[in-house]
Amino acid sequence: MMKKRLSPATVHRIPADVRKAVMSSPAAVAAWGDITPLARNEWVCWITSAKKVETRKHRLKRAIEEFAEGKRRPCCWAGCMHR
């Protein structure tokens, strides 16, 4: 049985679409629980910083795929300015 809640990020709240996407994949749930709160914050900020809806959807899909591959941080991104 999968957890009903995700561990929080440090600064950002987890948006509903991000929560839903992560919860839809057991590998993503496991990866989310294994990374640090700061890393979770980076993922949330990277996904939500997209200016276009299409970009956000693409980043969200890519994040779930990268969790399954074992990636711990978003690649090629300067990082969250909120930390």
Protein backbone atom coordinates (compact mmCIF):
# COMPACT_ATOMS: atom_id res chain seq x y z
CA MET A 1 0.00 0.00 0.00
CA MET A 2 1.31 3.46 -0.91
CA LYS A 3 1.63 6.32 1.55
CA LYS A 4 -1.19 8.86 1.51
CA ARG A 5 1.14 11.80 2.24
CA LEU A 6 4.38 13.01 0.73
CA SER A 7 7.25 14.34 2.79
CA PRO A 8 7.33 18.16 2.59
CA ALA A 9 9.80 20.39 0.78
CA THR A 10 11.67 23.07 2.75
CA VAL A 11 10.18 26.29 1.38
CA HIS A 12 7.58 25.42 -1.24
CA ARG A 13 4.26 23.74 -0.66
CA ILE A 14 3.71 20.78 -2.95
CA PRO A 15 1.12 21.80 -5.57
CA ALA A 16 -1.78 19.43 -6.24
CA ASP A 17 -0.59 18.51 -9.75
CA VAL A 18 2.90 17.66 -8.47
CA ARG A 19 1.48 15.62 -5.58
CA LYS A 20 -0.86 13.74 -7.92
CA ALA A 21 1.91 12.96 -10.42
CA VAL A 22 4.33 11.74 -7.75
CA MET A 23 1.64 9.65 -6.05
CA SER A 24 0.78 8.02 -9.39
CA SER A 25 4.16 6.27 -9.53
CA PRO A 26 5.46 3.95 -6.79
CA ALA A 27 9.03 4.62 -7.99
CA ALA A 28 8.47 8.37 -7.73
CA VAL A 29 6.99 8.03 -4.23
CA ALA A 30 10.01 6.00 -3.13
CA ALA A 31 12.45 8.48 -4.69
CA TRP A 32 10.60 11.45 -3.18
CA GLY A 33 10.86 9.92 0.27
CA ASP A 34 14.55 9.17 -0.23
CA ILE A 35 15.73 12.65 -1.28
CA THR A 36 16.43 15.50 1.12
CA PRO A 37 13.87 18.22 1.87
CA LEU A 38 16.14 20.66 0.02
CA ALA A 39 16.15 18.41 -3.06
CA ARG A 40 12.34 18.16 -2.89
CA ASN A 41 12.25 21.94 -2.75
CA GLU A 42 14.44 22.12 -5.87
CA TRP A 43 12.09 19.82 -7.78
CA VAL A 44 8.97 21.76 -6.77
CA CYS A 45 10.59 25.10 -7.64
CA TRP A 46 11.90 23.80 -10.97
CA ILE A 47 8.47 22.49 -11.97
CA THR A 48 6.51 25.53 -10.80
CA SER A 49 8.92 28.11 -12.21
CA ALA A 50 7.84 27.25 -15.76
CA LYS A 51 6.17 30.20 -17.45
CA LYS A 52 4.02 28.16 -19.84
CA VAL A 53 1.51 25.46 -18.95
CA GLU A 54 3.05 23.16 -21.57
CA THR A 55 6.50 23.59 -20.04
CA ARG A 56 5.20 22.85 -16.56
CA LYS A 57 3.49 19.67 -17.79
CA HIS A 58 6.67 18.62 -19.59
CA ARG A 59 8.80 19.25 -16.48
CA LEU A 60 6.38 17.31 -14.31
CA LYS A 61 6.46 14.34 -16.67
CA ARG A 62 10.24 14.54 -16.87
CA ALA A 63 10.55 14.69 -13.07
CA ILE A 64 8.56 11.47 -12.65
CA GLU A 65 10.72 9.76 -15.30
CA GLU A 66 13.92 11.02 -13.68
CA PHE A 67 12.80 9.82 -10.23
CA ALA A 68 12.43 6.33 -11.74
CA GLU A 69 16.00 6.66 -13.09
CA GLY A 70 17.30 7.55 -9.64
CA LYS A 71 18.01 11.23 -10.26
CA ARG A 72 18.01 13.29 -7.09
CA ARG A 73 18.02 16.89 -8.42
CA PRO A 74 16.78 18.65 -11.55
CA CYS A 75 19.54 18.71 -14.16
CA CYS A 76 20.84 21.84 -15.84
CA TRP A 77 19.06 24.32 -13.58
CA ALA A 78 20.63 27.03 -11.45
CA GLY A 79 18.58 26.09 -8.41
CA CYS A 80 15.83 27.51 -6.28
CA MET A 81 16.29 31.16 -5.48
CA HIS A 82 14.06 30.75 -2.41
CA ARG A 83 16.45 28.71 -0.28
